[in-house]
Protein backbone atom coordinates (compact mmCIF):
# COMPACT_ATOMS: atom_id res chain seq x y z
CA MET A 1 -0.11 0.04 -0.12
CA THR A 2 2.91 2.41 0.61
CA SER A 3 4.02 2.62 -2.95
CA LEU A 4 5.78 5.69 -4.27
CA PRO A 5 2.61 6.82 -6.20
CA VAL A 6 0.67 6.58 -2.92
CA LEU A 7 3.13 8.24 -0.83
CA ARG A 8 3.09 11.05 -3.30
CA ILE A 9 -0.56 11.69 -2.60
CA PHE A 10 0.04 11.73 1.12
CA LEU A 11 2.54 14.34 0.42
CA VAL A 12 -0.08 16.39 -1.61
CA ALA A 13 -2.45 16.04 1.37
CA PHE A 14 0.33 17.50 3.82
CA GLY A 15 1.78 20.14 1.49
CA SER A 16 -2.05 21.64 0.36
CA PHE A 17 -3.21 21.51 4.11
CA PHE A 18 0.22 23.10 5.43
CA VAL A 19 -0.51 26.07 3.08
CA PHE A 20 -4.31 26.19 3.76
CA SER A 21 -3.93 26.13 7.55
CA SER A 22 -1.10 28.85 7.57
CA VAL A 23 -3.16 31.11 5.48
CA PHE A 24 -6.13 30.99 7.47
CA ASN A 25 -4.16 31.18 10.84
CA PHE A 26 -1.86 34.08 10.05
CA LEU A 27 -4.03 36.12 7.71
CA PRO A 28 -6.02 37.75 10.75
CA PHE A 29 -2.75 39.09 12.23
CA TYR A 30 -1.78 40.42 8.70
CA LEU A 31 -5.00 42.12 8.40
CA ALA A 32 -5.09 43.15 12.02
CA GLY A 33 -1.87 45.24 11.40
CA SER A 34 -0.57 48.01 9.25
CA PRO A 35 -1.72 49.04 6.50
CA PHE A 36 -5.40 47.48 6.91
CA HIS A 37 -6.20 47.80 10.75
CA ALA A 38 -9.20 45.75 10.08
CA PRO A 39 -11.52 45.26 12.89
CA THR A 40 -12.48 41.82 14.09
CA ARG A 41 -15.84 41.55 12.55
CA THR A 42 -14.07 42.37 9.18
CA ILE A 43 -11.78 39.87 9.39
CA THR A 44 -14.31 37.08 10.69
CA PHE A 45 -16.67 37.76 7.76
CA LEU A 46 -13.72 36.87 5.36
CA TYR A 47 -13.86 33.26 6.65
CA LEU A 48 -17.01 33.02 4.80
CA SER A 49 -14.75 32.26 1.84
CA TYR A 50 -14.72 28.65 3.10
CA VAL A 51 -18.38 28.15 1.40
CA MET A 52 -16.44 27.81 -1.81
CA GLY A 53 -15.46 24.18 -0.51
CA ILE A 54 -19.13 23.39 -0.83
CA VAL A 55 -19.33 24.42 -4.24
CA ILE A 56 -15.66 23.36 -5.42
CA GLY A 57 -15.61 19.98 -4.21
CA PRO A 58 -18.20 18.24 -6.07
CA LEU A 59 -16.97 20.44 -9.20
CA SER A 60 -13.44 19.38 -8.94
CA GLY A 61 -14.56 15.85 -8.56
CA LYS A 62 -16.53 15.99 -11.98
CA LEU A 63 -13.51 17.91 -13.55
CA SER A 64 -11.05 15.29 -12.28
CA ASN A 65 -13.06 12.66 -13.88
CA ARG A 66 -12.84 14.64 -17.21
CA ILE A 67 -9.36 15.83 -17.48
CA GLY A 68 -7.56 13.95 -14.94
CA ASN A 69 -6.59 14.14 -11.25
CA GLY A 70 -3.04 15.43 -12.16
CA VAL A 71 -4.14 18.14 -14.24
CA CYS A 72 -6.70 19.10 -11.56
CA MET A 73 -3.83 19.32 -9.01
CA VAL A 74 -1.64 21.50 -11.28
CA LEU A 75 -4.59 23.72 -11.72
CA GLY A 76 -5.51 23.79 -8.01
CA ALA A 77 -2.07 24.58 -7.22
CA GLY A 78 -1.97 27.35 -10.07
CA VAL A 79 -5.22 29.00 -8.65
CA PHE A 80 -3.99 28.56 -4.97
CA ALA A 81 -0.56 30.33 -5.94
CA LEU A 82 -2.11 33.12 -7.59
CA ALA A 83 -4.69 33.87 -4.89
CA LEU A 84 -1.97 33.95 -2.37
CA MET A 85 0.12 36.46 -4.40
CA LEU A 86 -3.16 38.54 -4.41
CA THR A 87 -3.00 38.90 -0.61
CA ARG A 88 -0.19 41.32 -1.10
CA ILE A 89 -2.38 43.83 -2.59
CA PRO A 90 -3.33 46.08 0.07
CA SER A 91 -7.10 45.90 -0.34
CA ILE A 92 -9.67 44.38 1.87
CA ALA A 93 -11.60 43.56 -1.32
CA VAL A 94 -9.03 41.99 -3.31
CA ILE A 95 -7.90 40.04 -0.07
CA ALA A 96 -11.59 38.77 0.13
CA ILE A 97 -11.68 37.64 -3.31
CA SER A 98 -8.31 36.03 -3.00
CA LEU A 99 -9.56 34.00 -0.18
CA PHE A 100 -11.96 32.48 -2.51
CA GLY A 101 -9.29 31.74 -4.97
CA VAL A 102 -7.44 29.87 -1.90
CA CYS A 103 -10.40 27.69 -1.07
CA ALA A 104 -11.08 26.97 -4.91
CA GLY A 105 -7.39 26.06 -5.29
CA PHE A 106 -7.02 23.96 -1.74
CA PHE A 107 -10.52 22.09 -2.50
CA THR A 108 -9.59 21.38 -5.79
CA ILE A 109 -6.30 19.82 -4.87
CA HIS A 110 -7.47 18.16 -2.13
CA SER A 111 -10.54 16.50 -4.06
CA ALA A 112 -8.26 15.44 -6.93
CA ALA A 113 -5.59 13.75 -4.51
CA ALA A 114 -8.42 11.93 -2.21
CA GLY A 115 -9.98 10.78 -5.84
CA LEU A 116 -6.81 9.63 -7.18
CA LEU A 117 -5.86 7.84 -3.97
CA ASN A 118 -9.09 5.79 -3.87
CA ARG A 119 -8.36 5.08 -7.90
CA ARG A 120 -4.83 3.70 -7.13
CA LEU A 121 -6.01 1.29 -4.31
CA SER A 122 -7.40 -2.35 -5.04
CA SER A 123 -7.63 -2.90 -1.33
CA GLY A 124 -6.62 -1.39 1.89
CA HIS A 125 -9.11 1.74 1.30
CA GLY A 126 -9.66 2.41 4.95
CA ARG A 127 -6.02 2.21 5.94
CA ALA A 128 -4.84 4.32 2.97
CA ASN A 129 -7.37 7.08 3.76
CA SER A 130 -6.55 7.14 7.28
CA LEU A 131 -2.75 7.83 6.41
CA TYR A 132 -3.98 10.45 4.04
CA VAL A 133 -5.99 11.99 6.98
CA LEU A 134 -2.93 11.75 9.21
CA PHE A 135 -0.54 13.38 6.52
CA TYR A 136 -3.23 16.07 6.14
CA TYR A 137 -3.33 17.18 9.67
CA LEU A 138 0.48 16.77 10.16
CA GLY A 139 0.85 18.97 7.34
CA GLY A 140 -1.47 21.55 8.96
CA TYR A 141 0.51 21.39 12.40
CA THR A 142 3.85 21.55 10.69
CA GLY A 143 2.48 24.50 8.27
CA ILE A 144 1.24 26.68 11.30
CA THR A 145 4.02 25.98 13.37
CA SER A 146 6.73 26.85 10.52
CA SER A 147 4.46 29.98 9.43
CA GLY A 148 4.54 31.22 12.94
CA HIS A 149 8.48 31.29 12.83
CA CYS A 150 8.34 32.95 9.39
CA TYR A 151 5.60 35.48 10.47
CA THR A 152 7.77 36.35 13.22
CA ARG A 153 10.94 36.97 11.43
CA MET A 154 9.60 38.40 8.03
CA GLY A 155 5.63 39.00 8.59
CA TRP A 156 3.12 38.11 6.05
CA LEU A 157 5.81 38.17 3.28
CA GLY A 158 7.43 35.20 5.13
CA VAL A 159 4.33 33.05 5.49
CA LEU A 160 3.56 33.76 1.56
CA LEU A 161 7.03 32.70 0.50
CA LEU A 162 7.13 29.54 2.57
CA CYS A 163 3.33 28.71 1.53
CA LEU A 164 4.33 29.42 -2.31
CA SER A 165 7.34 27.11 -1.94
CA MET A 166 5.15 24.24 -0.26
CA LEU A 167 2.76 24.54 -3.36
CA LEU A 168 5.34 22.89 -5.44
CA VAL A 169 4.27 19.54 -3.77
CA PRO A 170 0.99 19.32 -5.24
CA LEU A 171 2.38 21.07 -8.66
CA MET A 172 5.14 18.64 -9.09
CA VAL A 173 3.03 15.50 -7.76
CA GLY A 174 0.25 16.72 -10.53
CA VAL A 175 2.88 16.94 -13.35
CA VAL A 176 4.25 13.45 -12.61
CA GLU A 177 0.70 12.00 -12.47
CA ILE A 178 -0.17 13.75 -16.07
CA ARG A 179 3.16 12.22 -17.28
CA THR A 180 2.49 8.81 -15.81
CA ASN A 181 -0.96 8.91 -17.58
CA ARG A 182 0.53 9.94 -21.02
CA MET A 183 3.03 7.11 -20.68
CA GLY A 184 0.19 4.81 -20.32
CA ARG A 185 0.59 3.53 -16.82
C-alpha cells in the first residue's frame, strides 16, 4: 500500500493543508496590522470564503473525472498560488476575493488527491484514507508552526514565501501524474 505513487498523494495532503492552515491562521494578524487595521468583525466575515469548498468539491471531482486528477492538482496549485500572491495587494476587497481563490485551489487539490488515492487502490482503502488524513493534519500542524516562525521574522511576506514554496508539492505531484498517464501507466 505504501508504494511511491501513494506516498506522493499523502505528500499532497500534507503540503496543501500546510498552506491552507497557514493562510487562515496568520491572515488575521496580517489584516489586523498595518496597512489594514481591519476590525475583528471584518476579518471574521472573510472566513465565509470557506463556502467555496461546498461548491468546488463536487465540481472538481467531476472535472478530475473528465480531465484527470493530475491536471486538477496542477490547476488547483496554480489558482492557490495566484490567490496567495493577490493577498499582497493592500485592499480588503482584493484579499476577500483572493480567499475564495485560496479555497477553490485548496479544495480542488484535495478532491483530486483523495480521488486519485482511491482510484489507485485495489484494497486497503480504510488504512490508506486514514494515512491520508494523518498526513493532512500533520501538514496543518507543521504549516502553522513553520509559518509562525516565518511570520515572526518576516511578517506576511515570510508566510507567503513559505506557502508558495510548499505549493510546489501538489504542483510537482500533479505533473508526475500527468506524465504517468501519458506514458500509459
